[in-house]
């Protein structure tokens, strides 16, 4: 995987000829309302061995959390542009499970009361080049997504912390009245595991460098035996925020 990411990065170097002629900075922040769905299990925990549904068993609920980002585009050839995105993603729940499942070696029988917490806080470190920069803009690059994760069911806790290398692509179309629509995607697929983080949004920029944005963001995490974890989970929902662009 490291060789693939490196080869993709090297292949993108010629695209730096499309770099901006001036320095551009964008700073934004907002709130994302994410709705959890899917299931997760911990391999080798014994017992019933069944996975836990995020809503029916772990009793996780919808939540609203903040995000913030910073991007820097410059006219220096060969050197990629930079974007950093910080996203909080935590979901809590409590209630009675609906089916037997095991988590970290503990068997939870149906109707057992549980208190749960799932944390997947993330920081995206993105290096990218502009392929197009006109009415249609198109960016391609790589993303080192850092995930600080923790899953807790009653007194049982599983933690994980690390970087996930991903392909980054973004496209944007300028519309009349200072509006734009765009899509931003981060993707990784290795064997039976797949991770994606996709955003679709519309933005409006005023004449005073201030803008507003709104859209839909979906994160999918499908893991097969990754660090003892199997999952097929999704977080999706609408977001809205403000940004400064200068």
Protein backbone atom coordinates (compact mmCIF):
# COMPACT_ATOMS: atom_id res chain seq x y z
CA UNK A 1 0.00 0.00 0.00
CA UNK A 2 2.85 2.41 0.78
CA UNK A 3 4.32 1.75 -2.68
CA UNK A 4 0.95 2.45 -4.33
CA UNK A 5 0.49 5.73 -2.45
CA UNK A 6 4.07 6.79 -3.25
CA UNK A 7 3.64 5.96 -6.95
CA UNK A 8 0.41 7.96 -7.09
CA UNK A 9 2.11 10.92 -5.42
CA UNK A 10 5.05 10.87 -7.84
CA UNK A 11 2.67 10.63 -10.81
CA UNK A 12 0.95 13.81 -9.64
CA UNK A 13 4.11 15.92 -9.59
CA UNK A 14 3.71 17.23 -13.18
CA UNK A 15 0.29 18.56 -12.23
CA UNK A 16 1.94 21.23 -10.11
CA UNK A 17 2.25 23.34 -13.28
CA UNK A 18 -1.42 24.24 -12.67
CA UNK A 19 -0.61 25.84 -9.31
CA UNK A 20 -2.21 29.15 -8.33
CA UNK A 21 -0.40 32.36 -9.27
CA UNK A 22 -1.18 33.86 -5.85
CA UNK A 23 -1.36 32.59 -2.29
CA UNK A 24 -4.79 31.38 -1.16
CA UNK A 25 -5.94 30.58 2.36
CA UNK A 26 -9.28 29.13 3.48
CA UNK A 27 -10.38 28.60 7.09
CA UNK A 28 -13.72 27.07 7.98
CA UNK A 29 -15.73 25.48 10.80
CA UNK A 30 -19.20 24.10 11.36
CA UNK A 31 -21.35 21.36 12.82
CA UNK A 32 -22.10 17.87 11.50
CA UNK A 33 -25.14 15.88 12.64
CA UNK A 34 -24.14 12.22 12.23
CA UNK A 35 -26.46 9.21 12.41
CA UNK A 36 -24.76 5.84 13.18
CA UNK A 37 -25.78 2.54 11.55
CA UNK A 38 -24.31 -0.90 10.95
CA UNK A 39 -22.53 -3.42 13.18
CA UNK A 40 -19.16 -4.18 14.76
CA UNK A 41 -17.48 -7.19 16.41
CA UNK A 42 -14.15 -8.02 18.03
CA UNK A 43 -12.47 -11.16 16.63
CA UNK A 44 -11.36 -13.93 18.92
CA UNK A 45 -13.53 -12.86 21.82
CA UNK A 46 -15.24 -16.24 22.10
CA UNK A 47 -18.78 -16.73 23.33
CA UNK A 48 -21.62 -16.24 20.88
CA UNK A 49 -19.30 -14.50 18.44
CA UNK A 50 -22.06 -12.41 16.91
CA UNK A 51 -21.65 -8.78 15.96
CA UNK A 52 -23.30 -5.90 17.76
CA UNK A 53 -25.69 -3.59 15.95
CA UNK A 54 -24.79 0.04 16.63
CA UNK A 55 -28.37 1.08 17.34
CA UNK A 56 -30.23 -2.05 18.48
CA UNK A 57 -27.46 -3.48 20.67
CA UNK A 58 -24.98 -0.72 21.46
CA UNK A 59 -27.88 1.74 21.60
CA UNK A 60 -25.85 4.51 19.97
CA UNK A 61 -27.76 7.69 19.18
CA UNK A 62 -27.49 10.57 16.72
CA UNK A 63 -25.18 13.40 17.69
CA UNK A 64 -23.99 16.82 16.52
CA UNK A 65 -20.29 17.64 16.60
CA UNK A 66 -17.97 20.26 15.25
CA UNK A 67 -15.47 20.23 12.42
CA UNK A 68 -12.80 22.70 11.36
CA UNK A 69 -10.39 22.95 8.45
CA UNK A 70 -7.54 24.97 7.03
CA UNK A 71 -6.16 24.96 3.47
CA UNK A 72 -3.20 26.67 1.85
CA UNK A 73 -2.70 26.95 -1.93
CA UNK A 74 0.46 28.53 -3.29
CA UNK A 75 2.26 29.22 -6.60
CA UNK A 76 5.44 27.23 -5.83
CA UNK A 77 5.96 24.49 -8.49
CA UNK A 78 6.23 20.82 -7.45
CA UNK A 79 5.30 21.50 -3.83
CA UNK A 80 1.73 20.29 -3.11
CA UNK A 81 -1.01 22.37 -1.55
CA UNK A 82 -1.99 21.58 2.03
CA UNK A 83 -5.30 20.94 3.74
CA UNK A 84 -5.94 19.89 7.34
CA UNK A 85 -9.40 18.82 8.58
CA UNK A 86 -10.31 18.12 12.21
CA UNK A 87 -13.54 16.20 12.85
CA UNK A 88 -15.04 15.11 16.15
CA UNK A 89 -17.05 11.90 15.98
CA UNK A 90 -18.44 10.49 19.22
CA UNK A 91 -21.68 8.64 19.86
CA UNK A 92 -23.11 7.51 23.21
CA UNK A 93 -26.00 5.30 24.18
CA UNK A 94 -27.72 3.29 26.89
CA UNK A 95 -30.49 0.71 27.00
CA UNK A 96 -31.11 -3.02 26.71
CA UNK A 97 -29.56 -5.12 23.94
CA UNK A 98 -31.88 -7.03 21.61
CA UNK A 99 -29.72 -10.11 20.83
CA UNK A 100 -26.75 -12.04 22.23
CA UNK A 101 -23.32 -10.72 21.26
CA UNK A 102 -19.76 -10.75 22.56
CA UNK A 103 -17.49 -7.76 22.96
CA UNK A 104 -13.87 -7.94 24.12
CA UNK A 105 -14.41 -11.39 25.65
CA UNK A 106 -17.65 -10.57 27.47
CA UNK A 107 -20.98 -12.14 26.49
CA UNK A 108 -23.92 -9.74 26.56
CA UNK A 109 -27.22 -11.60 26.50
CA UNK A 110 -30.45 -10.23 25.10
CA UNK A 111 -32.18 -7.71 27.40
CA UNK A 112 -28.89 -6.94 29.22
CA UNK A 113 -28.64 -3.21 30.08
CA UNK A 114 -25.61 -1.50 28.53
CA UNK A 115 -23.98 1.90 28.52
CA UNK A 116 -21.88 2.48 25.42
CA UNK A 117 -19.50 4.97 23.84
CA UNK A 118 -17.92 5.00 20.39
CA UNK A 119 -15.25 7.57 19.56
CA UNK A 120 -13.69 7.99 16.11
CA UNK A 121 -12.12 11.44 16.28
CA UNK A 122 -10.16 12.23 13.11
CA UNK A 123 -7.55 14.56 11.67
CA UNK A 124 -6.96 14.56 7.89
CA UNK A 125 -3.55 15.67 6.61
CA UNK A 126 -3.98 16.19 2.86
CA UNK A 127 -1.37 17.01 0.19
CA UNK A 128 -2.88 17.76 -3.22
CA UNK A 129 -2.39 19.36 -6.63
CA UNK A 130 -4.83 21.38 -8.73
CA UNK A 131 -5.49 19.70 -12.06
CA UNK A 132 -8.08 22.29 -13.11
CA UNK A 133 -8.80 25.73 -11.70
CA UNK A 134 -11.49 27.53 -13.67
CA UNK A 135 -15.27 27.27 -13.84
CA UNK A 136 -14.60 23.63 -12.99
CA UNK A 137 -11.89 22.90 -10.45
CA UNK A 138 -10.41 19.46 -9.81
CA UNK A 139 -7.88 18.43 -7.15
CA UNK A 140 -6.06 15.12 -6.66
CA UNK A 141 -3.78 14.08 -3.82
CA UNK A 142 -3.18 11.83 -0.84
CA UNK A 143 -4.55 11.91 2.68
CA UNK A 144 -3.01 10.58 5.88
CA UNK A 145 -6.13 10.26 8.07
CA UNK A 146 -5.34 9.92 11.76
CA UNK A 147 -8.04 8.13 13.75
CA UNK A 148 -8.15 8.24 17.55
CA UNK A 149 -10.68 5.55 18.37
CA UNK A 150 -12.27 3.99 21.42
CA UNK A 151 -15.26 1.68 21.85
CA UNK A 152 -16.71 0.98 25.31
CA UNK A 153 -19.52 -1.33 26.38
CA UNK A 154 -20.11 -1.06 30.13
CA UNK A 155 -16.63 -1.73 31.59
CA UNK A 156 -15.11 -3.31 28.44
CA UNK A 157 -13.02 -0.96 26.29
CA UNK A 158 -11.18 -1.42 22.99
CA UNK A 159 -8.88 1.37 21.77
CA UNK A 160 -7.12 2.00 18.47
CA UNK A 161 -4.96 4.87 17.25
CA UNK A 162 -3.22 5.20 13.92
CA UNK A 163 -2.97 6.60 10.40
CA UNK A 164 -4.91 5.44 7.34
CA UNK A 165 -3.45 6.37 3.90
CA UNK A 166 -6.20 7.41 1.48
CA UNK A 167 -6.65 8.77 -2.04
CA UNK A 168 -8.07 12.31 -2.08
CA UNK A 169 -10.10 13.81 -4.95
CA UNK A 170 -12.23 16.96 -5.04
CA UNK A 171 -14.29 18.62 -7.76
CA UNK A 172 -16.17 21.92 -7.75
CA UNK A 173 -18.40 23.72 -10.25
CA UNK A 174 -18.87 27.49 -10.14
CA UNK A 175 -22.47 28.67 -10.54
CA UNK A 176 -24.00 32.14 -10.99
CA UNK A 177 -24.61 34.38 -7.97
CA UNK A 178 -21.34 33.34 -6.24
CA UNK A 179 -22.60 29.80 -5.64
CA UNK A 180 -20.61 26.58 -6.08
CA UNK A 181 -21.43 22.90 -5.79
CA UNK A 182 -18.77 20.33 -5.05
CA UNK A 183 -17.82 16.83 -4.01
CA UNK A 184 -14.85 15.80 -1.89
CA UNK A 185 -13.90 12.14 -1.44
CA UNK A 186 -11.27 10.22 0.55
CA UNK A 187 -11.07 6.51 -0.23
CA UNK A 188 -9.10 3.37 0.63
CA UNK A 189 -9.81 -0.25 -0.34
CA UNK A 190 -7.50 -3.11 0.65
CA UNK A 191 -8.61 -6.75 0.31
CA UNK A 192 -11.97 -6.98 2.10
CA UNK A 193 -11.60 -3.70 3.99
CA UNK A 194 -12.88 -0.36 2.74
CA UNK A 195 -12.90 3.13 4.23
CA UNK A 196 -14.47 6.18 2.62
CA UNK A 197 -15.27 9.74 3.66
CA UNK A 198 -17.42 11.58 1.11
CA UNK A 199 -18.83 15.10 1.26
CA UNK A 200 -21.26 16.81 -1.14
CA UNK A 201 -21.93 20.50 -0.53
CA UNK A 202 -23.11 23.84 -1.83
CA UNK A 203 -21.36 27.08 -0.88
CA UNK A 204 -22.02 30.80 -1.15
CA UNK A 205 -19.20 33.35 -0.92
CA UNK A 206 -19.83 37.03 -0.22
CA UNK A 207 -17.76 39.97 -1.45
CA UNK A 208 -16.22 40.25 2.04
CA UNK A 209 -14.26 36.95 2.06
CA UNK A 210 -16.94 35.35 4.25
CA UNK A 211 -18.89 32.33 3.02
CA UNK A 212 -21.40 29.72 4.16
CA UNK A 213 -21.61 26.03 3.27
CA UNK A 214 -24.06 23.16 3.75
CA UNK A 215 -24.30 19.59 2.55
CA UNK A 216 -24.18 15.89 3.37
CA UNK A 217 -21.22 13.91 4.72
CA UNK A 218 -21.00 10.11 4.82
CA UNK A 219 -18.29 7.98 6.40
CA UNK A 220 -18.20 4.22 5.75
CA UNK A 221 -15.87 1.87 7.63
CA UNK A 222 -15.78 -1.77 6.52
CA UNK A 223 -13.05 -3.74 8.27
CA UNK A 224 -12.28 -7.45 8.05
CA UNK A 225 -9.96 -8.63 10.80
CA UNK A 226 -8.21 -5.25 11.14
CA UNK A 227 -6.43 -5.29 14.52
CA UNK A 228 -9.00 -7.85 15.66
CA UNK A 229 -11.95 -5.68 14.63
CA UNK A 230 -14.66 -6.47 12.09
CA UNK A 231 -17.11 -3.75 11.16
CA UNK A 232 -19.61 -2.54 8.62
CA UNK A 233 -20.61 0.83 9.97
CA UNK A 234 -21.70 4.15 8.54
CA UNK A 235 -22.09 7.67 9.87
CA UNK A 236 -24.02 10.11 7.73
CA UNK A 237 -25.93 13.34 8.07
CA UNK A 238 -26.14 16.99 7.12
CA UNK A 239 -23.64 19.69 8.04
CA UNK A 240 -23.48 23.46 7.88
CA UNK A 241 -20.68 25.94 8.50
CA UNK A 242 -18.95 29.20 7.70
CA UNK A 243 -15.55 29.97 6.16
CA UNK A 244 -13.15 32.76 5.34
CA UNK A 245 -11.41 32.69 1.96
CA UNK A 246 -8.61 35.11 1.14
